[in-house]
Amino acid sequence: MSNRLHQLVDLLVAALIAGSSTYLWGLVAPPAVALWIATLFAAIYYFSRNPWGSPRGEQFNDVIDDIYDRYLP
């Protein structure tokens, strides 16, 4: 159950990143560009949780998991 909750929080954080990035980039860029950049930022966060060959990816994931374990049931 805990792993599913962690995945749900990962999706929510990615959605918050996408939403806030879309708004902020929308202030200085055309809407299509802002949406593309926001999607890129959200994907970078979400897929960084499952790093592909990054030597420090596991270390970052451990820190994020420790935060989740501290605040989530």
C-alpha atoms as a PDB file:
ATOM      1  CA  MET A   1       0.000   0.000   0.000  1.00  0.00           C
ATOM      2  CA  SER A   2       2.805   2.394   0.871  1.00  0.00           C
ATOM      3  CA  ASN A   3       4.387   2.020  -2.565  1.00  0.00           C
ATOM      4  CA  ARG A   4       1.078   2.913  -4.231  1.00  0.00           C
ATOM      5  CA  LEU A   5       0.751   5.970  -2.021  1.00  0.00           C
ATOM      6  CA  HIS A   6       4.289   7.027  -2.965  1.00  0.00           C
ATOM      7  CA  GLN A   7       3.403   6.687  -6.657  1.00  0.00           C
ATOM      8  CA  LEU A   8       0.258   8.738  -6.142  1.00  0.00           C
ATOM      9  CA  VAL A   9       2.240  11.489  -4.439  1.00  0.00           C
ATOM     10  CA  ASP A  10       4.794  11.355  -7.279  1.00  0.00           C
ATOM     11  CA  LEU A  11       1.953  11.951  -9.756  1.00  0.00           C
ATOM     12  CA  LEU A  12       0.524  14.782  -7.664  1.00  0.00           C
ATOM     13  CA  VAL A  13       3.929  16.473  -7.392  1.00  0.00           C
ATOM     14  CA  ALA A  14       4.428  16.090 -11.152  1.00  0.00           C
ATOM     15  CA  ALA A  15       0.973  17.621 -11.719  1.00  0.00           C
ATOM     16  CA  LEU A  16       1.820  20.557  -9.435  1.00  0.00           C
ATOM     17  CA  ILE A  17       5.068  21.080 -11.312  1.00  0.00           C
ATOM     18  CA  ALA A  18       3.218  20.980 -14.640  1.00  0.00           C
ATOM     19  CA  GLY A  19       0.487  23.355 -13.492  1.00  0.00           C
ATOM     20  CA  SER A  20       2.740  25.931 -11.915  1.00  0.00           C
ATOM     21  CA  SER A  21       5.241  25.748 -14.767  1.00  0.00           C
ATOM     22  CA  THR A  22       2.480  26.219 -17.336  1.00  0.00           C
ATOM     23  CA  TYR A  23       1.259  29.311 -15.517  1.00  0.00           C
ATOM     24  CA  LEU A  24       4.721  30.826 -15.014  1.00  0.00           C
ATOM     25  CA  TRP A  25       5.987  30.089 -18.517  1.00  0.00           C
ATOM     26  CA  GLY A  26       2.666  31.307 -19.894  1.00  0.00           C
ATOM     27  CA  LEU A  27       3.558  34.763 -18.661  1.00  0.00           C
ATOM     28  CA  VAL A  28       6.575  34.967 -20.984  1.00  0.00           C
ATOM     29  CA  ALA A  29       5.960  32.411 -23.747  1.00  0.00           C
ATOM     30  CA  PRO A  30       3.146  31.408 -26.110  1.00  0.00           C
ATOM     31  CA  PRO A  31       0.694  28.882 -24.592  1.00  0.00           C
ATOM     32  CA  ALA A  32       1.897  25.931 -26.681  1.00  0.00           C
ATOM     33  CA  VAL A  33       5.517  26.536 -25.691  1.00  0.00           C
ATOM     34  CA  ALA A  34       4.578  26.986 -22.041  1.00  0.00           C
ATOM     35  CA  LEU A  35       2.653  23.696 -22.061  1.00  0.00           C
ATOM     36  CA  TRP A  36       5.529  21.861 -23.753  1.00  0.00           C
ATOM     37  CA  ILE A  37       8.069  23.157 -21.220  1.00  0.00           C
ATOM     38  CA  ALA A  38       5.781  22.354 -18.280  1.00  0.00           C
ATOM     39  CA  THR A  39       5.230  18.821 -19.555  1.00  0.00           C
ATOM     40  CA  LEU A  40       8.973  18.405 -19.913  1.00  0.00           C
ATOM     41  CA  PHE A  41       9.579  19.563 -16.307  1.00  0.00           C
ATOM     42  CA  ALA A  42       6.892  17.228 -14.948  1.00  0.00           C
ATOM     43  CA  ALA A  43       8.280  14.296 -16.933  1.00  0.00           C
ATOM     44  CA  ILE A  44      11.806  15.016 -15.745  1.00  0.00           C
ATOM     45  CA  TYR A  45      10.624  14.875 -12.130  1.00  0.00           C
ATOM     46  CA  TYR A  46       8.456  11.787 -12.577  1.00  0.00           C
ATOM     47  CA  PHE A  47      10.999   9.774 -14.549  1.00  0.00           C
ATOM     48  CA  SER A  48      13.858  10.870 -12.313  1.00  0.00           C
ATOM     49  CA  ARG A  49      12.160   8.733  -9.683  1.00  0.00           C
ATOM     50  CA  ASN A  50      13.077   5.802 -11.944  1.00  0.00           C
ATOM     51  CA  PRO A  51      16.507   6.927 -13.163  1.00  0.00           C
ATOM     52  CA  TRP A  52      17.984   5.437 -16.295  1.00  0.00           C
ATOM     53  CA  GLY A  53      21.678   5.022 -15.645  1.00  0.00           C
ATOM     54  CA  SER A  54      22.137   8.031 -13.373  1.00  0.00           C
ATOM     55  CA  PRO A  55      24.844   7.249 -10.818  1.00  0.00           C
ATOM     56  CA  ARG A  56      23.233   9.475  -8.168  1.00  0.00           C
ATOM     57  CA  GLY A  57      19.599   8.709  -9.007  1.00  0.00           C
ATOM     58  CA  GLU A  58      19.272   6.086  -6.288  1.00  0.00           C
ATOM     59  CA  GLN A  59      20.613   8.562  -3.733  1.00  0.00           C
ATOM     60  CA  PHE A  60      18.033  11.217  -4.691  1.00  0.00           C
ATOM     61  CA  ASN A  61      15.244   8.638  -4.638  1.00  0.00           C
ATOM     62  CA  ASP A  62      16.274   7.536  -1.147  1.00  0.00           C
ATOM     63  CA  VAL A  63      16.000  11.131   0.092  1.00  0.00           C
ATOM     64  CA  ILE A  64      12.554  11.547  -1.487  1.00  0.00           C
ATOM     65  CA  ASP A  65      11.418   8.183  -0.081  1.00  0.00           C
ATOM     66  CA  ASP A  66      12.606   9.195   3.397  1.00  0.00           C
ATOM     67  CA  ILE A  67      10.490  12.359   3.152  1.00  0.00           C
ATOM     68  CA  TYR A  68       7.476  10.322   2.035  1.00  0.00           C
ATOM     69  CA  ASP A  69       7.974   7.841   4.879  1.00  0.00           C
ATOM     70  CA  ARG A  70       8.177  10.667   7.377  1.00  0.00           C
ATOM     71  CA  TYR A  71       4.935  12.375   6.311  1.00  0.00           C
ATOM     72  CA  LEU A  72       2.778   9.648   4.725  1.00  0.00           C
ATOM     73  CA  PRO A  73       1.114   6.788   6.606  1.00  0.00           C
END
